[in-house]
Amino acid sequence: MTQIPKNVARQFTQRLDATKATAEHAAEATFEAAGTMLSAVLKGQRIYVCAAPGRVMLAQHFAQLMAGTFEHERPGLPVIALNGVDSQIDTVAAAIRAAGGGGDVLFVIAENELDEVLPAIHSAHERDMQVVLLSNGLEEVIEPHLHTSDRLICTNSDSVGTLIQAQLLLVHTLVSLIDRQLLGLSE
């Protein structure tokens, strides 16, 4: 019976350590990505968000937080979630080509395989949109698909649970940074 609490405590510790490592690795990129998104919103542009099939719930959560409120009262921000529960990425890419425009931002939440989201990224580039990519993977593999004005937030985990936890934390951090900068709040 005492083995179970030790296992639970070990899992908590491992996840917290992984989250801390993500925070240290991704802090600057997350801050820059929030600035990119806020700049677009302040210029009257939109943020589109899409995700790989296993991360759609994070994309929808981001859109809900941005359109409503998170930690502070503020007007909703122009964010559009492009994929539903069973959306195909080709449909998302077509929506970007139809509605996206120069100055808009595409926020993409990926899993390990970038192939699932590349059509959306390429469509955004065709429309002169900036891309913010939240991905689990090797930066040197991902960066060739991005433009210099794009932002990459990389996590690194072999555990799906830890990865989703880190990506959720980064989504919350992005929204919080945008809110704080928009509302002029200090730390």
N, C-alpha and C. Protein backbone atom coordinates (compact mmCIF):
# COMPACT_ATOMS: atom_id res chain seq x y z
N MET A 1 0.81 -1.20 0.00
CA MET A 1 0.00 0.00 0.00
C MET A 1 0.85 1.27 0.00
N THR A 2 2.00 1.24 0.67
CA THR A 2 2.85 2.43 0.70
C THR A 2 3.54 2.67 -0.64
N GLN A 3 3.61 1.65 -1.50
CA GLN A 3 4.25 1.81 -2.81
C GLN A 3 3.43 2.74 -3.71
N ILE A 4 2.10 2.68 -3.61
CA ILE A 4 1.25 3.51 -4.47
C ILE A 4 1.48 4.99 -4.18
N PRO A 5 1.43 5.46 -2.94
CA PRO A 5 1.71 6.89 -2.71
C PRO A 5 3.10 7.30 -3.17
N LYS A 6 4.09 6.44 -3.05
CA LYS A 6 5.43 6.77 -3.52
C LYS A 6 5.45 6.92 -5.03
N ASN A 7 4.72 6.05 -5.73
CA ASN A 7 4.64 6.14 -7.19
C ASN A 7 3.94 7.44 -7.62
N VAL A 8 2.88 7.78 -6.90
CA VAL A 8 2.16 9.02 -7.21
C VAL A 8 3.08 10.22 -6.99
N ALA A 9 3.76 10.23 -5.86
CA ALA A 9 4.68 11.33 -5.56
C ALA A 9 5.79 11.42 -6.60
N ARG A 10 6.29 10.28 -7.05
CA ARG A 10 7.35 10.26 -8.06
C ARG A 10 6.83 10.83 -9.38
N GLN A 11 5.61 10.46 -9.75
CA GLN A 11 5.04 10.99 -11.00
C GLN A 11 4.86 12.50 -10.92
N PHE A 12 4.36 12.99 -9.77
CA PHE A 12 4.23 14.43 -9.60
C PHE A 12 5.58 15.12 -9.73
N THR A 13 6.57 14.57 -9.09
CA THR A 13 7.91 15.16 -9.12
C THR A 13 8.46 15.17 -10.54
N GLN A 14 8.29 14.07 -11.27
CA GLN A 14 8.78 14.00 -12.65
C GLN A 14 8.08 15.03 -13.53
N ARG A 15 6.78 15.17 -13.37
CA ARG A 15 6.03 16.13 -14.19
C ARG A 15 6.40 17.56 -13.84
N LEU A 16 6.57 17.83 -12.54
CA LEU A 16 6.97 19.17 -12.13
C LEU A 16 8.36 19.52 -12.65
N ASP A 17 9.27 18.56 -12.58
CA ASP A 17 10.62 18.77 -13.11
C ASP A 17 10.59 19.04 -14.61
N ALA A 18 9.77 18.28 -15.33
CA ALA A 18 9.65 18.48 -16.78
C ALA A 18 9.04 19.85 -17.10
N THR A 19 8.06 20.26 -16.30
CA THR A 19 7.43 21.56 -16.49
C THR A 19 8.44 22.68 -16.23
N LYS A 20 9.24 22.52 -15.20
CA LYS A 20 10.27 23.52 -14.89
C LYS A 20 11.29 23.61 -16.04
N ALA A 21 11.69 22.47 -16.57
CA ALA A 21 12.64 22.46 -17.68
C ALA A 21 12.04 23.15 -18.91
N THR A 22 10.76 22.91 -19.18
CA THR A 22 10.08 23.58 -20.29
C THR A 22 10.06 25.08 -20.08
N ALA A 23 9.73 25.49 -18.87
CA ALA A 23 9.67 26.93 -18.56
C ALA A 23 11.02 27.59 -18.80
N GLU A 24 12.07 26.95 -18.38
CA GLU A 24 13.41 27.52 -18.56
C GLU A 24 13.79 27.58 -20.04
N HIS A 25 13.44 26.54 -20.78
CA HIS A 25 13.81 26.47 -22.19
C HIS A 25 12.96 27.40 -23.06
N ALA A 26 11.68 27.53 -22.73
CA ALA A 26 10.74 28.21 -23.63
C ALA A 26 10.35 29.62 -23.20
N ALA A 27 10.90 30.14 -22.13
CA ALA A 27 10.47 31.43 -21.59
C ALA A 27 10.61 32.57 -22.61
N GLU A 28 11.77 32.71 -23.19
CA GLU A 28 11.99 33.82 -24.12
C GLU A 28 11.12 33.68 -25.37
N ALA A 29 11.04 32.48 -25.91
CA ALA A 29 10.22 32.26 -27.11
C ALA A 29 8.74 32.52 -26.82
N THR A 30 8.28 32.16 -25.63
CA THR A 30 6.89 32.38 -25.25
C THR A 30 6.60 33.87 -25.15
N PHE A 31 7.52 34.62 -24.55
CA PHE A 31 7.37 36.07 -24.43
C PHE A 31 7.31 36.71 -25.82
N GLU A 32 8.19 36.30 -26.71
CA GLU A 32 8.21 36.84 -28.07
C GLU A 32 6.92 36.48 -28.83
N ALA A 33 6.44 35.26 -28.65
CA ALA A 33 5.21 34.84 -29.31
C ALA A 33 4.02 35.65 -28.82
N ALA A 34 3.95 35.89 -27.53
CA ALA A 34 2.86 36.72 -26.98
C ALA A 34 2.92 38.12 -27.57
N GLY A 35 4.12 38.66 -27.72
CA GLY A 35 4.28 39.98 -28.33
C GLY A 35 3.82 40.01 -29.78
N THR A 36 4.12 38.96 -30.51
CA THR A 36 3.67 38.85 -31.91
C THR A 36 2.15 38.85 -31.98
N MET A 37 1.52 38.07 -31.12
CA MET A 37 0.06 37.99 -31.11
C MET A 37 -0.56 39.32 -30.70
N LEU A 38 -0.04 39.92 -29.64
CA LEU A 38 -0.59 41.19 -29.16
C LEU A 38 -0.43 42.28 -30.21
N SER A 39 0.70 42.33 -30.86
CA SER A 39 0.94 43.33 -31.90
C SER A 39 -0.11 43.22 -33.01
N ALA A 40 -0.40 42.00 -33.41
CA ALA A 40 -1.42 41.80 -34.45
C ALA A 40 -2.78 42.30 -33.98
N VAL A 41 -3.16 41.95 -32.77
CA VAL A 41 -4.47 42.35 -32.23
C VAL A 41 -4.56 43.88 -32.14
N LEU A 42 -3.50 44.52 -31.67
CA LEU A 42 -3.50 45.98 -31.54
C LEU A 42 -3.58 46.69 -32.89
N LYS A 43 -3.18 46.00 -33.96
CA LYS A 43 -3.26 46.57 -35.31
C LYS A 43 -4.58 46.21 -35.99
N GLY A 44 -5.51 45.61 -35.25
CA GLY A 44 -6.81 45.26 -35.81
C GLY A 44 -6.83 43.95 -36.58
N GLN A 45 -5.80 43.16 -36.43
CA GLN A 45 -5.72 41.88 -37.13
C GLN A 45 -6.31 40.76 -36.26
N ARG A 46 -6.36 39.58 -36.83
CA ARG A 46 -6.93 38.42 -36.14
C ARG A 46 -5.86 37.38 -35.85
N ILE A 47 -6.17 36.56 -34.86
CA ILE A 47 -5.36 35.38 -34.58
C ILE A 47 -6.21 34.17 -34.92
N TYR A 48 -5.70 33.34 -35.78
CA TYR A 48 -6.33 32.06 -36.09
C TYR A 48 -5.56 31.00 -35.32
N VAL A 49 -6.26 30.01 -34.82
CA VAL A 49 -5.59 28.94 -34.08
C VAL A 49 -6.06 27.60 -34.63
N CYS A 50 -5.11 26.70 -34.82
CA CYS A 50 -5.43 25.35 -35.25
C CYS A 50 -4.45 24.40 -34.59
N ALA A 51 -4.75 23.12 -34.69
CA ALA A 51 -3.90 22.14 -34.01
C ALA A 51 -3.93 20.82 -34.73
N ALA A 52 -2.91 20.03 -34.44
CA ALA A 52 -2.89 18.64 -34.88
C ALA A 52 -4.06 17.93 -34.20
N PRO A 53 -4.53 16.83 -34.77
CA PRO A 53 -5.71 16.15 -34.22
C PRO A 53 -5.67 15.89 -32.71
N GLY A 54 -4.53 15.54 -32.17
CA GLY A 54 -4.45 15.25 -30.74
C GLY A 54 -4.37 16.47 -29.85
N ARG A 55 -4.36 17.67 -30.44
CA ARG A 55 -4.22 18.90 -29.65
C ARG A 55 -5.36 19.90 -29.90
N VAL A 56 -6.41 19.45 -30.57
CA VAL A 56 -7.52 20.34 -30.90
C VAL A 56 -8.11 20.97 -29.64
N MET A 57 -8.19 20.20 -28.56
CA MET A 57 -8.79 20.75 -27.33
C MET A 57 -7.96 21.92 -26.80
N LEU A 58 -6.65 21.90 -26.99
CA LEU A 58 -5.81 23.03 -26.56
C LEU A 58 -6.08 24.26 -27.43
N ALA A 59 -6.26 24.06 -28.72
CA ALA A 59 -6.56 25.17 -29.62
C ALA A 59 -7.90 25.80 -29.27
N GLN A 60 -8.90 24.98 -29.03
CA GLN A 60 -10.21 25.50 -28.66
C GLN A 60 -10.16 26.21 -27.31
N HIS A 61 -9.39 25.67 -26.38
CA HIS A 61 -9.24 26.29 -25.07
C HIS A 61 -8.58 27.67 -25.21
N PHE A 62 -7.52 27.77 -26.01
CA PHE A 62 -6.87 29.05 -26.26
C PHE A 62 -7.87 30.06 -26.81
N ALA A 63 -8.65 29.66 -27.81
CA ALA A 63 -9.62 30.57 -28.43
C ALA A 63 -10.66 31.03 -27.41
N GLN A 64 -11.13 30.12 -26.57
CA GLN A 64 -12.11 30.50 -25.54
C GLN A 64 -11.53 31.51 -24.56
N LEU A 65 -10.29 31.29 -24.13
CA LEU A 65 -9.67 32.22 -23.19
C LEU A 65 -9.43 33.59 -23.81
N MET A 66 -9.05 33.61 -25.07
CA MET A 66 -8.78 34.89 -25.73
C MET A 66 -10.08 35.63 -26.06
N ALA A 67 -11.12 34.91 -26.44
CA ALA A 67 -12.39 35.55 -26.77
C ALA A 67 -13.15 35.99 -25.53
N GLY A 68 -12.88 35.33 -24.41
CA GLY A 68 -13.52 35.68 -23.14
C GLY A 68 -12.52 36.34 -22.22
N THR A 69 -12.44 35.81 -21.03
CA THR A 69 -11.45 36.33 -20.08
C THR A 69 -10.70 35.16 -19.48
N PHE A 70 -9.53 35.47 -18.95
CA PHE A 70 -8.72 34.44 -18.31
C PHE A 70 -8.55 34.81 -16.85
N GLU A 71 -7.56 35.59 -16.54
CA GLU A 71 -7.32 35.99 -15.15
C GLU A 71 -7.81 37.40 -14.86
N HIS A 72 -8.06 38.19 -15.91
CA HIS A 72 -8.44 39.59 -15.75
C HIS A 72 -9.58 39.92 -16.71
N GLU A 73 -10.49 40.77 -16.26
CA GLU A 73 -11.58 41.22 -17.12
C GLU A 73 -11.01 42.07 -18.25
N ARG A 74 -11.45 41.78 -19.46
CA ARG A 74 -11.08 42.56 -20.63
C ARG A 74 -12.04 42.20 -21.76
N PRO A 75 -12.13 43.07 -22.76
CA PRO A 75 -12.96 42.71 -23.91
C PRO A 75 -12.38 41.48 -24.61
N GLY A 76 -13.22 40.75 -25.29
CA GLY A 76 -12.76 39.60 -26.05
C GLY A 76 -11.84 40.04 -27.18
N LEU A 77 -10.91 39.19 -27.52
CA LEU A 77 -9.95 39.48 -28.58
C LEU A 77 -10.29 38.66 -29.82
N PRO A 78 -9.94 39.16 -31.01
CA PRO A 78 -10.34 38.51 -32.26
C PRO A 78 -9.53 37.23 -32.56
N VAL A 79 -10.02 36.14 -32.01
CA VAL A 79 -9.37 34.84 -32.19
C VAL A 79 -10.39 33.88 -32.78
N ILE A 80 -9.96 33.13 -33.77
CA ILE A 80 -10.85 32.19 -34.45
C ILE A 80 -10.22 30.81 -34.43
N ALA A 81 -10.93 29.85 -33.82
CA ALA A 81 -10.48 28.45 -33.82
C ALA A 81 -10.92 27.83 -35.14
N LEU A 82 -9.98 27.24 -35.85
CA LEU A 82 -10.26 26.73 -37.19
C LEU A 82 -10.63 25.26 -37.24
N ASN A 83 -10.29 24.48 -36.25
CA ASN A 83 -10.65 23.07 -36.39
C ASN A 83 -11.55 22.62 -35.26
N GLY A 84 -12.54 21.82 -35.67
CA GLY A 84 -13.42 21.19 -34.71
C GLY A 84 -12.83 19.87 -34.29
N VAL A 85 -13.62 19.08 -33.63
CA VAL A 85 -13.13 17.83 -33.06
C VAL A 85 -12.57 16.89 -34.13
N ASP A 86 -13.18 16.86 -35.31
CA ASP A 86 -12.72 15.90 -36.32
C ASP A 86 -12.25 16.58 -37.61
N SER A 87 -11.84 17.83 -37.53
CA SER A 87 -11.41 18.56 -38.73
C SER A 87 -10.14 17.98 -39.32
N GLN A 88 -10.09 17.99 -40.62
CA GLN A 88 -8.89 17.59 -41.33
C GLN A 88 -8.04 18.84 -41.55
N ILE A 89 -6.74 18.69 -41.48
CA ILE A 89 -5.84 19.85 -41.60
C ILE A 89 -5.93 20.48 -42.99
N ASP A 90 -6.30 19.71 -44.02
CA ASP A 90 -6.47 20.29 -45.36
C ASP A 90 -7.64 21.27 -45.38
N THR A 91 -8.69 20.97 -44.64
CA THR A 91 -9.83 21.88 -44.52
C THR A 91 -9.40 23.15 -43.80
N VAL A 92 -8.58 23.00 -42.78
CA VAL A 92 -8.05 24.15 -42.04
C VAL A 92 -7.19 25.01 -42.97
N ALA A 93 -6.34 24.37 -43.76
CA ALA A 93 -5.49 25.11 -44.70
C ALA A 93 -6.34 25.89 -45.70
N ALA A 94 -7.42 25.29 -46.17
CA ALA A 94 -8.31 25.97 -47.11
C ALA A 94 -8.98 27.18 -46.43
N ALA A 95 -9.36 27.04 -45.18
CA ALA A 95 -9.97 28.15 -44.44
C ALA A 95 -8.97 29.30 -44.28
N ILE A 96 -7.72 28.97 -44.04
CA ILE A 96 -6.69 30.01 -43.92
C ILE A 96 -6.52 30.75 -45.24
N ARG A 97 -6.49 30.00 -46.34
CA ARG A 97 -6.36 30.63 -47.66
C ARG A 97 -7.57 31.52 -47.96
N ALA A 98 -8.74 31.12 -47.49
CA ALA A 98 -9.96 31.88 -47.77
C ALA A 98 -10.11 33.11 -46.89
N ALA A 99 -9.73 33.02 -45.62
CA ALA A 99 -10.03 34.11 -44.68
C ALA A 99 -8.81 34.85 -44.15
N GLY A 100 -7.66 34.21 -44.12
CA GLY A 100 -6.47 34.84 -43.53
C GLY A 100 -5.94 35.95 -44.41
N GLY A 101 -5.29 36.89 -43.77
CA GLY A 101 -4.72 38.00 -44.52
C GLY A 101 -3.41 38.47 -43.93
N GLY A 102 -2.71 39.28 -44.69
CA GLY A 102 -1.44 39.83 -44.23
C GLY A 102 -1.60 40.54 -42.89
N GLY A 103 -0.72 40.25 -41.97
CA GLY A 103 -0.78 40.84 -40.64
C GLY A 103 -1.48 39.97 -39.63
N ASP A 104 -2.30 39.02 -40.10
CA ASP A 104 -2.93 38.08 -39.17
C ASP A 104 -1.86 37.11 -38.67
N VAL A 105 -2.19 36.40 -37.59
CA VAL A 105 -1.28 35.42 -37.01
C VAL A 105 -1.97 34.07 -36.99
N LEU A 106 -1.24 33.04 -37.35
CA LEU A 106 -1.72 31.67 -37.20
C LEU A 106 -0.96 31.04 -36.04
N PHE A 107 -1.70 30.64 -35.01
CA PHE A 107 -1.13 29.93 -33.88
C PHE A 107 -1.40 28.45 -34.10
N VAL A 108 -0.34 27.66 -34.21
CA VAL A 108 -0.44 26.23 -34.49
C VAL A 108 0.08 25.45 -33.29
N ILE A 109 -0.72 24.49 -32.84
CA ILE A 109 -0.29 23.61 -31.75
C ILE A 109 -0.09 22.23 -32.36
N ALA A 110 1.15 21.78 -32.35
CA ALA A 110 1.50 20.52 -33.02
C ALA A 110 1.84 19.44 -32.00
N GLU A 111 1.88 18.23 -32.52
CA GLU A 111 2.35 17.09 -31.74
C GLU A 111 3.80 16.85 -32.15
N ASN A 112 4.22 15.61 -32.18
CA ASN A 112 5.59 15.29 -32.58
C ASN A 112 5.81 15.43 -34.08
N GLU A 113 4.83 15.07 -34.86
CA GLU A 113 4.97 15.08 -36.31
C GLU A 113 4.48 16.41 -36.88
N LEU A 114 5.36 17.14 -37.49
CA LEU A 114 5.02 18.43 -38.08
C LEU A 114 4.18 18.26 -39.35
N ASP A 115 4.26 17.08 -39.97
CA ASP A 115 3.52 16.83 -41.21
C ASP A 115 2.03 17.12 -41.06
N GLU A 116 1.50 16.90 -39.87
CA GLU A 116 0.06 17.10 -39.64
C GLU A 116 -0.35 18.56 -39.76
N VAL A 117 0.56 19.49 -39.56
CA VAL A 117 0.20 20.90 -39.57
C VAL A 117 0.88 21.70 -40.68
N LEU A 118 1.77 21.08 -41.44
CA LEU A 118 2.48 21.80 -42.50
C LEU A 118 1.56 22.45 -43.53
N PRO A 119 0.46 21.81 -43.97
CA PRO A 119 -0.42 22.50 -44.93
C PRO A 119 -0.96 23.82 -44.38
N ALA A 120 -1.29 23.86 -43.11
CA ALA A 120 -1.78 25.10 -42.50
C ALA A 120 -0.68 26.16 -42.46
N ILE A 121 0.52 25.75 -42.09
CA ILE A 121 1.64 26.69 -42.03
C ILE A 121 1.95 27.25 -43.42
N HIS A 122 1.98 26.39 -44.43
CA HIS A 122 2.25 26.85 -45.80
C HIS A 122 1.15 27.80 -46.29
N SER A 123 -0.10 27.50 -45.95
CA SER A 123 -1.20 28.39 -46.35
C SER A 123 -1.08 29.76 -45.68
N ALA A 124 -0.68 29.77 -44.42
CA ALA A 124 -0.49 31.04 -43.71
C ALA A 124 0.62 31.86 -44.38
N HIS A 125 1.68 31.20 -44.75
CA HIS A 125 2.77 31.91 -45.42
C HIS A 125 2.32 32.45 -46.78
N GLU A 126 1.49 31.70 -47.49
CA GLU A 126 0.96 32.18 -48.78
C GLU A 126 0.15 33.46 -48.60
N ARG A 127 -0.48 33.60 -47.44
CA ARG A 127 -1.33 34.77 -47.15
C ARG A 127 -0.58 35.86 -46.39
N ASP A 128 0.73 35.75 -46.29
CA ASP A 128 1.57 36.73 -45.59
C ASP A 128 1.21 36.87 -44.11
N MET A 129 0.87 35.75 -43.51
CA MET A 129 0.57 35.72 -42.08
C MET A 129 1.82 35.29 -41.32
N GLN A 130 1.95 35.75 -40.09
CA GLN A 130 3.00 35.24 -39.22
C GLN A 130 2.49 33.97 -38.56
N VAL A 131 3.40 33.08 -38.24
CA VAL A 131 3.06 31.81 -37.60
C VAL A 131 3.71 31.76 -36.23
N VAL A 132 2.93 31.36 -35.25
CA VAL A 132 3.45 31.00 -33.93
C VAL A 132 3.21 29.51 -33.81
N LEU A 133 4.28 28.75 -33.67
CA LEU A 133 4.18 27.29 -33.61
C LEU A 133 4.60 26.79 -32.25
N LEU A 134 3.69 26.09 -31.59
CA LEU A 134 3.98 25.41 -30.33
C LEU A 134 4.10 23.93 -30.67
N SER A 135 5.30 23.39 -30.50
CA SER A 135 5.56 22.03 -30.98
C SER A 135 6.46 21.27 -30.03
N ASN A 136 6.36 19.98 -30.11
CA ASN A 136 7.28 19.09 -29.42
C ASN A 136 8.19 18.52 -30.50
N GLY A 137 9.40 18.90 -30.47
CA GLY A 137 10.30 18.38 -31.49
C GLY A 137 11.62 19.09 -31.50
N LEU A 138 12.43 18.69 -32.41
CA LEU A 138 13.76 19.26 -32.53
C LEU A 138 13.69 20.55 -33.34
N GLU A 139 14.21 21.61 -32.77
CA GLU A 139 14.14 22.92 -33.42
C GLU A 139 14.79 22.90 -34.80
N GLU A 140 15.90 22.19 -34.95
CA GLU A 140 16.59 22.18 -36.24
C GLU A 140 15.77 21.48 -37.34
N VAL A 141 14.84 20.63 -36.96
CA VAL A 141 13.96 19.98 -37.92
C VAL A 141 12.79 20.89 -38.28
N ILE A 142 12.33 21.68 -37.32
CA ILE A 142 11.15 22.52 -37.50
C ILE A 142 11.48 23.84 -38.19
N GLU A 143 12.57 24.47 -37.80
CA GLU A 143 12.87 25.83 -38.26
C GLU A 143 12.91 26.01 -39.78
N PRO A 144 13.34 25.02 -40.58
CA PRO A 144 13.33 25.23 -42.03
C PRO A 144 11.93 25.50 -42.61
N HIS A 145 10.90 25.14 -41.88
CA HIS A 145 9.53 25.34 -42.36
C HIS A 145 8.96 26.69 -41.93
N LEU A 146 9.72 27.46 -41.18
CA LEU A 146 9.24 28.74 -40.67
C LEU A 146 9.99 29.89 -41.32
N HIS A 147 9.34 31.05 -41.36
CA HIS A 147 9.99 32.27 -41.83
C HIS A 147 10.68 32.94 -40.65
N THR A 148 11.57 33.86 -40.94
CA THR A 148 12.32 34.52 -39.86
C THR A 148 11.41 35.32 -38.93
N SER A 149 10.27 35.79 -39.41
CA SER A 149 9.35 36.55 -38.56
C SER A 149 8.44 35.65 -37.72
N ASP A 150 8.45 34.35 -37.99
CA ASP A 150 7.63 33.41 -37.23
C ASP A 150 8.25 33.16 -35.86
N ARG A 151 7.45 32.61 -34.97
CA ARG A 151 7.90 32.30 -33.61
C ARG A 151 7.71 30.81 -33.35
N LEU A 152 8.72 30.21 -32.75
CA LEU A 152 8.69 28.79 -32.42
C LEU A 152 8.86 28.62 -30.92
N ILE A 153 7.91 27.91 -30.32
CA ILE A 153 8.00 27.54 -28.91
C ILE A 153 8.12 26.02 -28.90
N CYS A 154 9.25 25.53 -28.46
CA CYS A 154 9.50 24.09 -28.47
C CYS A 154 9.46 23.52 -27.07
N THR A 155 8.77 22.41 -26.95
CA THR A 155 8.83 21.61 -25.73
C THR A 155 9.59 20.34 -26.08
N ASN A 156 9.98 19.61 -25.09
CA ASN A 156 10.71 18.38 -25.36
C ASN A 156 10.35 17.35 -24.30
N SER A 157 9.53 16.40 -24.70
CA SER A 157 9.13 15.36 -23.76
C SER A 157 8.79 14.09 -24.53
N ASP A 158 9.13 12.98 -23.93
CA ASP A 158 8.76 11.68 -24.51
C ASP A 158 7.41 11.20 -23.98
N SER A 159 6.94 11.81 -22.91
CA SER A 159 5.69 11.41 -22.28
C SER A 159 4.54 12.28 -22.80
N VAL A 160 3.51 11.64 -23.33
CA VAL A 160 2.36 12.38 -23.86
C VAL A 160 1.72 13.23 -22.76
N GLY A 161 1.55 12.65 -21.58
CA GLY A 161 0.94 13.39 -20.47
C GLY A 161 1.73 14.62 -20.09
N THR A 162 3.03 14.48 -20.00
CA THR A 162 3.89 15.61 -19.65
C THR A 162 3.88 16.65 -20.76
N LEU A 163 3.86 16.21 -21.99
CA LEU A 163 3.83 17.12 -23.13
C LEU A 163 2.55 17.94 -23.14
N ILE A 164 1.41 17.29 -22.98
CA ILE A 164 0.14 18.01 -22.98
C ILE A 164 0.10 18.99 -21.81
N GLN A 165 0.59 18.56 -20.65
CA GLN A 165 0.65 19.45 -19.48
C GLN A 165 1.50 20.68 -19.79
N ALA A 166 2.65 20.48 -20.40
CA ALA A 166 3.54 21.60 -20.73
C ALA A 166 2.89 22.52 -21.76
N GLN A 167 2.24 21.95 -22.77
CA GLN A 167 1.59 22.77 -23.78
C GLN A 167 0.42 23.56 -23.20
N LEU A 168 -0.33 22.95 -22.29
CA LEU A 168 -1.42 23.67 -21.63
C LEU A 168 -0.86 24.83 -20.81
N LEU A 169 0.21 24.59 -20.09
CA LEU A 169 0.85 25.66 -19.32
C LEU A 169 1.31 26.79 -20.24
N LEU A 170 1.87 26.45 -21.39
CA LEU A 170 2.33 27.47 -22.33
C LEU A 170 1.16 28.24 -22.94
N VAL A 171 0.04 27.58 -23.21
CA VAL A 171 -1.16 28.26 -23.69
C VAL A 171 -1.62 29.27 -22.64
N HIS A 172 -1.70 28.84 -21.39
CA HIS A 172 -2.11 29.74 -20.31
C HIS A 172 -1.12 30.90 -20.16
N THR A 173 0.15 30.62 -20.29
CA THR A 173 1.17 31.66 -20.17
C THR A 173 1.05 32.68 -21.30
N LEU A 174 0.81 32.22 -22.52
CA LEU A 174 0.62 33.14 -23.64
C LEU A 174 -0.55 34.09 -23.38
N VAL A 175 -1.68 33.53 -22.96
CA VAL A 175 -2.86 34.36 -22.71
C VAL A 175 -2.58 35.34 -21.57
N SER A 176 -1.94 34.87 -20.51
CA SER A 176 -1.62 35.74 -19.38
C SER A 176 -0.69 36.87 -19.80
N LEU A 177 0.33 36.57 -20.59
CA LEU A 177 1.25 37.61 -21.06
C LEU A 177 0.53 38.64 -21.93
N ILE A 178 -0.33 38.17 -22.81
CA ILE A 178 -1.10 39.08 -23.67
C ILE A 178 -1.98 39.97 -22.80
N ASP A 179 -2.70 39.38 -21.85
CA ASP A 179 -3.56 40.15 -20.95
C ASP A 179 -2.75 41.21 -20.20
N ARG A 180 -1.65 40.80 -19.62
CA ARG A 180 -0.85 41.72 -18.81
C ARG A 180 -0.29 42.88 -19.65
N GLN A 181 0.16 42.58 -20.85
CA GLN A 181 0.68 43.64 -21.70
C GLN A 181 -0.46 44.54 -22.20
N LEU A 182 -1.57 43.94 -22.57
CA LEU A 182 -2.71 44.70 -23.07
C LEU A 182 -3.28 45.62 -22.00
N LEU A 183 -3.37 45.13 -20.78
CA LEU A 183 -3.97 45.89 -19.69
C LEU A 183 -2.95 46.72 -18.91
N GLY A 184 -1.68 46.63 -19.28
CA GLY A 184 -0.64 47.39 -18.60
C GLY A 184 -0.40 46.96 -17.17
N LEU A 185 -0.53 45.66 -16.92
CA LEU A 185 -0.34 45.14 -15.57
C LEU A 185 1.12 44.77 -15.34
N SER A 186 1.60 45.02 -14.16
CA SER A 186 2.96 44.60 -13.82
C SER A 186 2.92 43.17 -13.34
N GLU A 187 4.08 42.62 -13.02
CA GLU A 187 4.18 41.24 -12.55
C GLU A 187 3.17 41.02 -11.47
